Amino acid sequence: MADRRDETDLAAEVLGALRRTAFLLERELASTHRVKAFRGAATTIGRTPPDELARRVDAGTLDELPGVGRTTAALVADVAAGRRPAYLVELEERQAPLVDPDDEGAAGGAALRAALRGDLHLHSDWSDGGSPVEDMAVTAVELGHEYAALTDHSPRLKVAHGLTPARLRKQLELLDGLAAPLAPFRLLSGIEVDVLSDGALDQEDELLGRLDVVVASVHSELRMERRAMTRRMVRAVQDPHTDVLGHCTGRYVQPREGVGKARPESEFDAGAVFAACAEAGVAVEVNSRPERLDPPLRLLRLAVEAGCLFSIDTDAHAPGQLDWQERGCARAARCGVPPERVVNTWPVEDLLAWTADHAHRPA
């Protein structure tokens, strides 16, 4: 042990390598099982005293710890030996760029990504995300964000473990407790509220009024008849609590985990919906998830012409997915979205002044 680096430093390096590996797996949408292997090992290592970790490395008994398997133990052994972990090197080498450098929106997208100050759509393990609130917030800080809005699902979306009013109130208490430890970063309160079939929002008005950011999204009856869907979406946009219209067409351009095929766009009068957004000052979300890429480019251009505000979000369900904004920024730049109309380029004070204004009329 005499020639070993400080045990505390070793523990920090091991934890960093495990978290980085999980981040990259999440970024490339690896299976939940693979991600959990590294997140679980990181949790165990984080709770293991540094001197015990060092002893187990020497004795080769890391895999006796709960949640540490052969692959994760090998990664720890590499770090302890002063080697770059082979599995992590392999992961980093195979990471594909989020945006093709030859894409016409690449340059403008990079500039737009640099201007972003936060992300207004992300999920934690309180609903259908895979990680605790704290992990999502710390990763947002590491990515350079000044703020992020926690937007777990509302109660009607039972498959996503949506938050009942009681659970949402408990989450608000958690956020209050995290404010000081995370400062100056701001973890904003929020929700991705389901738009019901009649256009009403799936949460108590009193609670919606307490939140910093409300993203309203359609998740059910996606094949609703065009005129009815238009009325439904317009009513949701006109609700004074709505700040952002989430993934407006509901499409999947490729299968996602648990869904075996792509999904077509919902049918609605996009001109009428975007006009309602512009009138109410509600932002149209540019959703950066690779299976959504919503709205389609033709509708994104229509929203620009309608004078809409925009929010470029990841809809992240894991920390590594918070790195996806570059993709949405390239699509926004390609369609001529003016940076000053992207609400998450604004300072947090301006953003919160906008969401607090129930008329949402831009100055």
Protein backbone atom coordinates (compact mmCIF):
# COMPACT_ATOMS: atom_id res chain seq x y z
CA MET A 1 0.00 0.00 0.00
CA ALA A 2 2.97 2.34 0.43
CA ASP A 3 3.24 3.13 -3.24
CA ARG A 4 -0.50 3.54 -3.70
CA ARG A 5 -1.87 7.02 -4.18
CA ASP A 6 -3.93 8.48 -1.37
CA GLU A 7 -6.89 6.21 -0.66
CA THR A 8 -9.37 9.11 -0.81
CA ASP A 9 -8.04 10.16 -4.21
CA LEU A 10 -8.31 6.57 -5.43
CA ALA A 11 -11.94 6.36 -4.32
CA ALA A 12 -12.74 9.65 -6.11
CA GLU A 13 -11.04 8.46 -9.33
CA VAL A 14 -12.89 5.15 -9.23
CA LEU A 15 -16.22 6.86 -8.65
CA GLY A 16 -15.52 9.29 -11.49
CA ALA A 17 -14.69 6.49 -13.92
CA LEU A 18 -17.85 4.55 -13.04
CA ARG A 19 -20.02 7.67 -13.41
CA ARG A 20 -18.36 8.58 -16.70
CA THR A 21 -18.96 5.08 -18.06
CA ALA A 22 -22.64 5.19 -17.08
CA PHE A 23 -22.96 8.69 -18.59
CA LEU A 24 -21.61 7.53 -21.96
CA LEU A 25 -23.84 4.45 -21.96
CA GLU A 26 -26.86 6.66 -21.28
CA ARG A 27 -25.77 9.09 -23.97
CA GLU A 28 -25.81 6.32 -26.59
CA LEU A 29 -29.11 4.88 -25.29
CA ALA A 30 -27.61 1.60 -24.09
CA SER A 31 -29.87 -0.91 -22.37
CA THR A 32 -31.12 -0.04 -18.90
CA HIS A 33 -29.49 -3.22 -17.54
CA ARG A 34 -26.02 -2.16 -18.66
CA VAL A 35 -26.41 1.36 -17.32
CA LYS A 36 -27.67 0.15 -13.95
CA ALA A 37 -24.62 -2.09 -13.57
CA PHE A 38 -22.36 0.98 -13.51
CA ARG A 39 -24.73 3.29 -11.65
CA GLY A 40 -25.24 0.57 -9.03
CA ALA A 41 -21.51 0.00 -8.68
CA ALA A 42 -20.96 3.76 -8.32
CA THR A 43 -23.52 3.88 -5.52
CA THR A 44 -21.79 1.01 -3.71
CA ILE A 45 -18.30 2.47 -4.17
CA GLY A 46 -19.53 5.86 -2.98
CA ARG A 47 -20.68 4.24 0.28
CA THR A 48 -17.52 2.17 0.78
CA PRO A 49 -14.85 3.68 3.05
CA PRO A 50 -11.73 4.52 1.01
CA ASP A 51 -9.48 2.30 3.14
CA GLU A 52 -11.79 -0.69 2.64
CA LEU A 53 -11.90 -0.02 -1.10
CA ALA A 54 -8.10 -0.02 -1.24
CA ARG A 55 -7.90 -3.27 0.76
CA ARG A 56 -10.42 -4.98 -1.52
CA VAL A 57 -8.51 -3.85 -4.60
CA ASP A 58 -5.36 -5.44 -3.18
CA ALA A 59 -7.18 -8.62 -2.17
CA GLY A 60 -9.17 -8.93 -5.41
CA THR A 61 -12.47 -9.06 -3.52
CA LEU A 62 -14.27 -6.10 -5.07
CA ASP A 63 -16.91 -8.36 -6.58
CA GLU A 64 -17.97 -9.39 -3.10
CA LEU A 65 -19.49 -5.92 -2.68
CA PRO A 66 -23.20 -5.72 -3.59
CA GLY A 67 -23.71 -4.32 -7.07
CA VAL A 68 -20.10 -4.79 -8.17
CA GLY A 69 -19.68 -7.40 -10.91
CA ARG A 70 -16.81 -8.67 -13.00
CA THR A 71 -16.83 -5.81 -15.53
CA THR A 72 -17.13 -3.05 -12.94
CA ALA A 73 -14.49 -4.69 -10.73
CA ALA A 74 -12.11 -4.82 -13.72
CA LEU A 75 -12.68 -1.10 -14.31
CA VAL A 76 -11.86 -0.34 -10.68
CA ALA A 77 -8.72 -2.48 -10.88
CA ASP A 78 -7.58 -0.56 -13.97
CA VAL A 79 -8.01 2.76 -12.18
CA ALA A 80 -6.17 1.47 -9.12
CA ALA A 81 -3.26 0.37 -11.33
CA GLY A 82 -3.05 3.81 -12.91
CA ARG A 83 -4.43 2.59 -16.24
CA ARG A 84 -7.18 4.15 -18.29
CA PRO A 85 -10.00 1.56 -17.98
CA ALA A 86 -10.22 -0.47 -21.18
CA TYR A 87 -14.03 -0.53 -21.18
CA LEU A 88 -14.20 3.24 -20.76
CA VAL A 89 -11.66 3.78 -23.55
CA GLU A 90 -13.73 1.57 -25.84
CA LEU A 91 -16.88 3.53 -24.99
CA GLU A 92 -15.27 6.90 -25.64
CA GLU A 93 -13.80 5.76 -28.95
CA ARG A 94 -17.15 4.59 -30.27
CA GLN A 95 -19.14 7.68 -29.27
CA ALA A 96 -20.70 8.99 -32.46
CA PRO A 97 -21.07 12.77 -32.84
CA LEU A 98 -24.60 13.92 -32.07
CA VAL A 99 -24.58 16.11 -35.18
CA ASP A 100 -22.96 15.43 -38.55
CA PRO A 101 -20.31 18.16 -39.02
CA ASP A 102 -21.56 18.53 -42.61
CA ASP A 103 -25.14 19.18 -41.47
CA GLU A 104 -26.21 22.66 -42.57
CA GLY A 105 -27.25 23.43 -39.00
CA ALA A 106 -24.03 22.24 -37.36
CA ALA A 107 -22.21 25.58 -37.06
CA GLY A 108 -25.27 27.56 -36.01
CA GLY A 109 -26.27 24.76 -33.68
CA ALA A 110 -22.93 24.84 -31.91
CA ALA A 111 -23.28 28.58 -31.33
CA LEU A 112 -26.84 28.10 -30.09
CA ARG A 113 -25.77 25.31 -27.73
CA ALA A 114 -23.13 27.63 -26.30
CA ALA A 115 -25.84 30.22 -25.65
CA LEU A 116 -28.11 27.83 -23.75
CA ARG A 117 -28.22 28.34 -20.01
CA GLY A 118 -30.43 25.40 -19.05
CA ASP A 119 -32.78 22.56 -19.89
CA LEU A 120 -36.51 22.75 -19.18
CA HIS A 121 -37.52 19.10 -19.59
CA LEU A 122 -35.97 16.24 -17.63
CA HIS A 123 -37.13 13.30 -15.54
CA SER A 124 -35.93 11.57 -12.39
CA ASP A 125 -36.67 8.27 -10.68
CA TRP A 126 -39.68 9.95 -9.09
CA SER A 127 -41.49 9.09 -12.35
CA ASP A 128 -39.98 7.14 -15.27
CA GLY A 129 -36.41 8.40 -15.10
CA GLY A 130 -33.60 6.11 -14.03
CA SER A 131 -31.66 8.30 -11.59
CA PRO A 132 -32.23 10.34 -8.42
CA VAL A 133 -32.94 14.05 -8.64
CA GLU A 134 -29.53 14.85 -7.19
CA ASP A 135 -27.70 12.90 -9.92
CA MET A 136 -29.61 14.72 -12.65
CA ALA A 137 -28.83 18.09 -11.06
CA VAL A 138 -25.12 17.37 -10.56
CA THR A 139 -24.77 16.27 -14.17
CA ALA A 140 -26.52 19.43 -15.37
CA VAL A 141 -23.98 21.44 -13.38
CA GLU A 142 -21.11 19.44 -14.91
CA LEU A 143 -22.46 20.22 -18.38
CA GLY A 144 -22.33 23.93 -17.63
CA HIS A 145 -26.00 24.65 -17.05
CA GLU A 146 -27.03 27.53 -14.84
CA TYR A 147 -30.46 25.98 -14.26
CA ALA A 148 -32.65 23.03 -15.13
CA ALA A 149 -36.33 22.24 -14.57
CA LEU A 150 -37.31 18.91 -13.05
CA THR A 151 -40.43 17.88 -14.98
CA ASP A 152 -41.59 14.46 -13.85
CA HIS A 153 -44.90 13.14 -15.17
CA SER A 154 -48.40 13.88 -13.86
CA PRO A 155 -50.75 11.32 -12.23
CA ARG A 156 -52.73 10.14 -15.24
CA LEU A 157 -49.60 8.65 -16.81
CA LYS A 158 -49.57 5.65 -14.48
CA VAL A 159 -47.21 3.67 -16.72
CA ALA A 160 -44.62 6.39 -16.03
CA HIS A 161 -45.39 6.45 -12.28
CA GLY A 162 -46.78 9.96 -12.59
CA LEU A 163 -46.81 12.18 -9.52
CA THR A 164 -50.02 12.47 -7.55
CA PRO A 165 -50.59 15.83 -5.88
CA ALA A 166 -49.28 14.40 -2.61
CA ARG A 167 -46.09 13.06 -4.21
CA LEU A 168 -45.52 16.31 -6.08
CA ARG A 169 -45.75 18.23 -2.81
CA LYS A 170 -43.11 15.92 -1.33
CA GLN A 171 -40.90 16.52 -4.35
CA LEU A 172 -41.23 20.27 -3.84
CA GLU A 173 -39.98 19.78 -0.28
CA LEU A 174 -36.99 17.87 -1.66
CA LEU A 175 -36.19 20.71 -4.07
CA ASP A 176 -36.34 23.23 -1.25
CA GLY A 177 -33.74 21.18 0.61
CA LEU A 178 -31.45 20.97 -2.42
CA ALA A 179 -31.47 24.71 -3.17
CA ALA A 180 -28.57 25.70 -0.90
CA PRO A 181 -26.27 22.72 -1.65
CA LEU A 182 -26.65 23.25 -5.42
CA ALA A 183 -26.29 27.04 -5.42
CA PRO A 184 -25.59 29.02 -7.54
CA PHE A 185 -27.13 26.42 -9.88
CA ARG A 186 -30.96 26.61 -9.80
CA LEU A 187 -32.97 23.40 -9.89
CA LEU A 188 -36.39 24.70 -10.90
CA SER A 189 -39.63 23.03 -9.90
CA GLY A 190 -41.73 21.76 -12.75
CA ILE A 191 -43.86 19.06 -14.30
CA GLU A 192 -44.55 17.45 -17.64
CA VAL A 193 -48.29 17.59 -17.29
CA ASP A 194 -50.46 15.33 -19.42
CA VAL A 195 -52.93 17.06 -21.74
CA LEU A 196 -56.24 15.29 -21.18
CA SER A 197 -58.56 14.44 -24.05
CA ASP A 198 -60.52 17.69 -23.60
CA GLY A 199 -57.38 19.83 -23.35
CA ALA A 200 -57.42 20.21 -19.56
CA LEU A 201 -54.16 19.76 -17.63
CA ASP A 202 -53.68 16.71 -15.42
CA GLN A 203 -52.80 18.32 -12.09
CA GLU A 204 -54.38 20.55 -9.46
CA ASP A 205 -54.47 24.22 -10.43
CA GLU A 206 -53.04 25.26 -7.07
CA LEU A 207 -50.00 23.04 -7.57
CA LEU A 208 -49.46 24.10 -11.17
CA GLY A 209 -49.47 27.69 -9.95
CA ARG A 210 -46.63 26.93 -7.52
CA LEU A 211 -44.31 25.45 -10.14
CA ASP A 212 -41.58 27.34 -11.97
CA VAL A 213 -42.06 25.53 -15.32
CA VAL A 214 -45.01 23.62 -16.76
CA VAL A 215 -44.47 21.53 -19.89
CA ALA A 216 -47.80 20.37 -21.34
CA SER A 217 -47.63 17.24 -23.53
CA VAL A 218 -50.07 14.85 -25.21
CA HIS A 219 -49.32 11.23 -24.31
CA SER A 220 -52.62 9.46 -24.96
CA GLU A 221 -55.22 9.15 -27.73
CA LEU A 222 -52.54 10.18 -30.22
CA ARG A 223 -54.69 9.07 -33.16
CA MET A 224 -57.48 11.48 -32.21
CA GLU A 225 -59.33 13.02 -35.16
CA ARG A 226 -57.60 16.13 -36.52
CA ARG A 227 -60.13 18.79 -35.50
CA ALA A 228 -60.60 17.34 -32.03
CA MET A 229 -56.82 17.13 -31.52
CA THR A 230 -56.46 20.74 -32.64
CA ARG A 231 -59.09 21.90 -30.13
CA ARG A 232 -57.43 19.81 -27.43
CA MET A 233 -53.97 21.28 -28.03
CA VAL A 234 -55.19 24.87 -28.40
CA ARG A 235 -57.05 24.64 -25.08
CA ALA A 236 -53.91 23.30 -23.39
CA VAL A 237 -51.79 26.11 -24.86
CA GLN A 238 -54.32 28.70 -23.70
CA ASP A 239 -54.28 27.40 -20.13
CA PRO A 240 -52.59 30.13 -18.07
CA HIS A 241 -50.30 27.59 -16.40
CA THR A 242 -48.75 26.24 -19.61
CA ASP A 243 -45.24 27.46 -20.37
CA VAL A 244 -43.98 24.94 -22.94
CA LEU A 245 -45.80 22.72 -25.46
CA GLY A 246 -43.88 19.44 -25.27
CA HIS A 247 -43.04 17.13 -28.25
CA CYS A 248 -46.05 18.37 -30.17
CA THR A 249 -46.58 15.58 -32.74
CA GLY A 250 -45.90 12.66 -30.38
CA ARG A 251 -43.99 10.84 -33.11
CA TYR A 252 -41.21 8.28 -32.81
CA VAL A 253 -38.90 8.36 -35.80
CA GLN A 254 -37.30 5.12 -34.61
CA PRO A 255 -38.24 2.46 -32.06
CA ARG A 256 -37.52 3.28 -28.44
CA GLU A 257 -36.91 0.95 -25.52
CA GLY A 258 -40.12 -0.97 -24.86
CA VAL A 259 -41.70 0.16 -28.16
CA GLY A 260 -41.10 -2.13 -31.11
CA LYS A 261 -41.72 0.28 -33.97
CA ALA A 262 -41.75 3.90 -35.03
CA ARG A 263 -44.91 5.96 -34.43
CA PRO A 264 -46.51 8.42 -36.86
CA GLU A 265 -47.27 12.04 -36.07
CA SER A 266 -50.56 13.03 -34.49
CA GLU A 267 -52.76 14.96 -36.90
CA PHE A 268 -53.70 18.54 -36.01
CA ASP A 269 -53.84 22.00 -37.56
CA ALA A 270 -50.27 23.09 -36.83
CA GLY A 271 -50.94 26.62 -38.04
CA ALA A 272 -53.75 27.05 -35.51
CA VAL A 273 -51.77 25.49 -32.67
CA PHE A 274 -48.65 27.57 -33.31
CA ALA A 275 -50.73 30.71 -33.67
CA ALA A 276 -52.20 29.96 -30.24
CA CYS A 277 -48.67 29.45 -28.87
CA ALA A 278 -47.51 32.77 -30.31
CA GLU A 279 -50.58 34.57 -28.96
CA ALA A 280 -50.18 33.12 -25.46
CA GLY A 281 -46.38 33.37 -25.41
CA VAL A 282 -46.05 29.60 -24.91
CA ALA A 283 -42.79 28.09 -26.10
CA VAL A 284 -42.76 25.27 -28.64
CA GLU A 285 -40.38 22.57 -27.49
CA VAL A 286 -37.57 21.40 -29.76
CA ASN A 287 -37.25 17.90 -28.33
CA SER A 288 -33.73 16.49 -28.69
CA ARG A 289 -34.44 12.82 -27.98
CA PRO A 290 -33.14 10.77 -30.93
CA GLU A 291 -36.37 8.79 -31.26
CA ARG A 292 -38.55 11.91 -31.19
CA LEU A 293 -36.77 14.81 -32.96
CA ASP A 294 -40.03 16.67 -32.55
CA PRO A 295 -41.32 18.82 -34.17
CA PRO A 296 -40.44 17.74 -37.71
CA LEU A 297 -38.43 20.34 -39.63
CA ARG A 298 -41.38 21.48 -41.73
CA LEU A 299 -43.39 22.23 -38.57
CA LEU A 300 -40.43 23.83 -36.85
CA ARG A 301 -40.14 26.25 -39.77
CA LEU A 302 -43.88 26.93 -39.52
CA ALA A 303 -43.50 27.74 -35.81
CA VAL A 304 -40.69 30.17 -36.63
CA GLU A 305 -42.92 31.90 -39.19
CA ALA A 306 -45.74 32.05 -36.63
CA GLY A 307 -43.49 34.04 -34.27
CA CYS A 308 -43.32 31.38 -31.55
CA LEU A 309 -40.94 31.18 -28.65
CA PHE A 310 -38.94 27.94 -28.31
CA SER A 311 -37.36 25.76 -25.65
CA ILE A 312 -34.60 23.36 -26.73
CA ASP A 313 -34.78 20.45 -24.30
CA THR A 314 -33.43 16.94 -23.89
CA ASP A 315 -36.43 15.20 -22.29
CA ALA A 316 -33.64 13.34 -20.46
CA HIS A 317 -34.52 10.26 -18.43
CA ALA A 318 -30.92 9.63 -17.33
CA PRO A 319 -27.91 11.86 -16.63
CA GLY A 320 -26.05 11.01 -19.86
CA GLN A 321 -29.05 12.07 -21.91
CA LEU A 322 -28.66 15.63 -20.66
CA ASP A 323 -25.88 15.92 -23.24
CA TRP A 324 -28.33 15.68 -26.16
CA GLN A 325 -29.16 19.37 -26.58
CA GLU A 326 -26.61 19.76 -29.37
CA ARG A 327 -28.88 17.71 -31.61
CA GLY A 328 -31.90 19.94 -30.97
CA CYS A 329 -29.80 23.06 -31.42
CA ALA A 330 -28.63 21.94 -34.88
CA ARG A 331 -32.22 21.33 -35.96
CA ALA A 332 -33.30 24.71 -34.60
CA ALA A 333 -30.44 26.50 -36.40
CA ARG A 334 -31.26 24.67 -39.62
CA CYS A 335 -34.80 26.05 -39.46
CA GLY A 336 -33.79 29.62 -38.60
CA VAL A 337 -34.93 29.69 -34.98
CA PRO A 338 -33.77 33.09 -33.64
CA PRO A 339 -31.58 32.55 -30.54
CA GLU A 340 -33.29 35.39 -28.69
CA ARG A 341 -36.61 33.51 -28.98
CA VAL A 342 -35.17 30.42 -27.27
CA VAL A 343 -36.31 30.86 -23.68
CA ASN A 344 -33.57 28.71 -22.16
CA THR A 345 -30.93 31.10 -23.48
CA TRP A 346 -32.37 33.68 -21.08
CA PRO A 347 -30.97 34.41 -17.60
CA VAL A 348 -32.93 32.57 -14.93
CA GLU A 349 -34.47 35.79 -13.62
CA ASP A 350 -35.91 36.58 -17.06
CA LEU A 351 -37.08 33.01 -17.52
CA LEU A 352 -38.91 33.00 -14.20
CA ALA A 353 -40.44 36.40 -14.89
CA TRP A 354 -41.83 34.95 -18.13
CA THR A 355 -43.23 31.79 -16.52
CA ALA A 356 -44.75 33.86 -13.70
CA ASP A 357 -46.61 36.03 -16.20
CA HIS A 358 -49.84 34.13 -16.79
CA ALA A 359 -50.47 36.02 -20.02
CA HIS A 360 -46.96 35.06 -21.23
CA ARG A 361 -46.79 38.04 -23.50
CA PRO A 362 -43.16 38.74 -24.43
CA ALA A 363 -41.95 42.26 -23.73
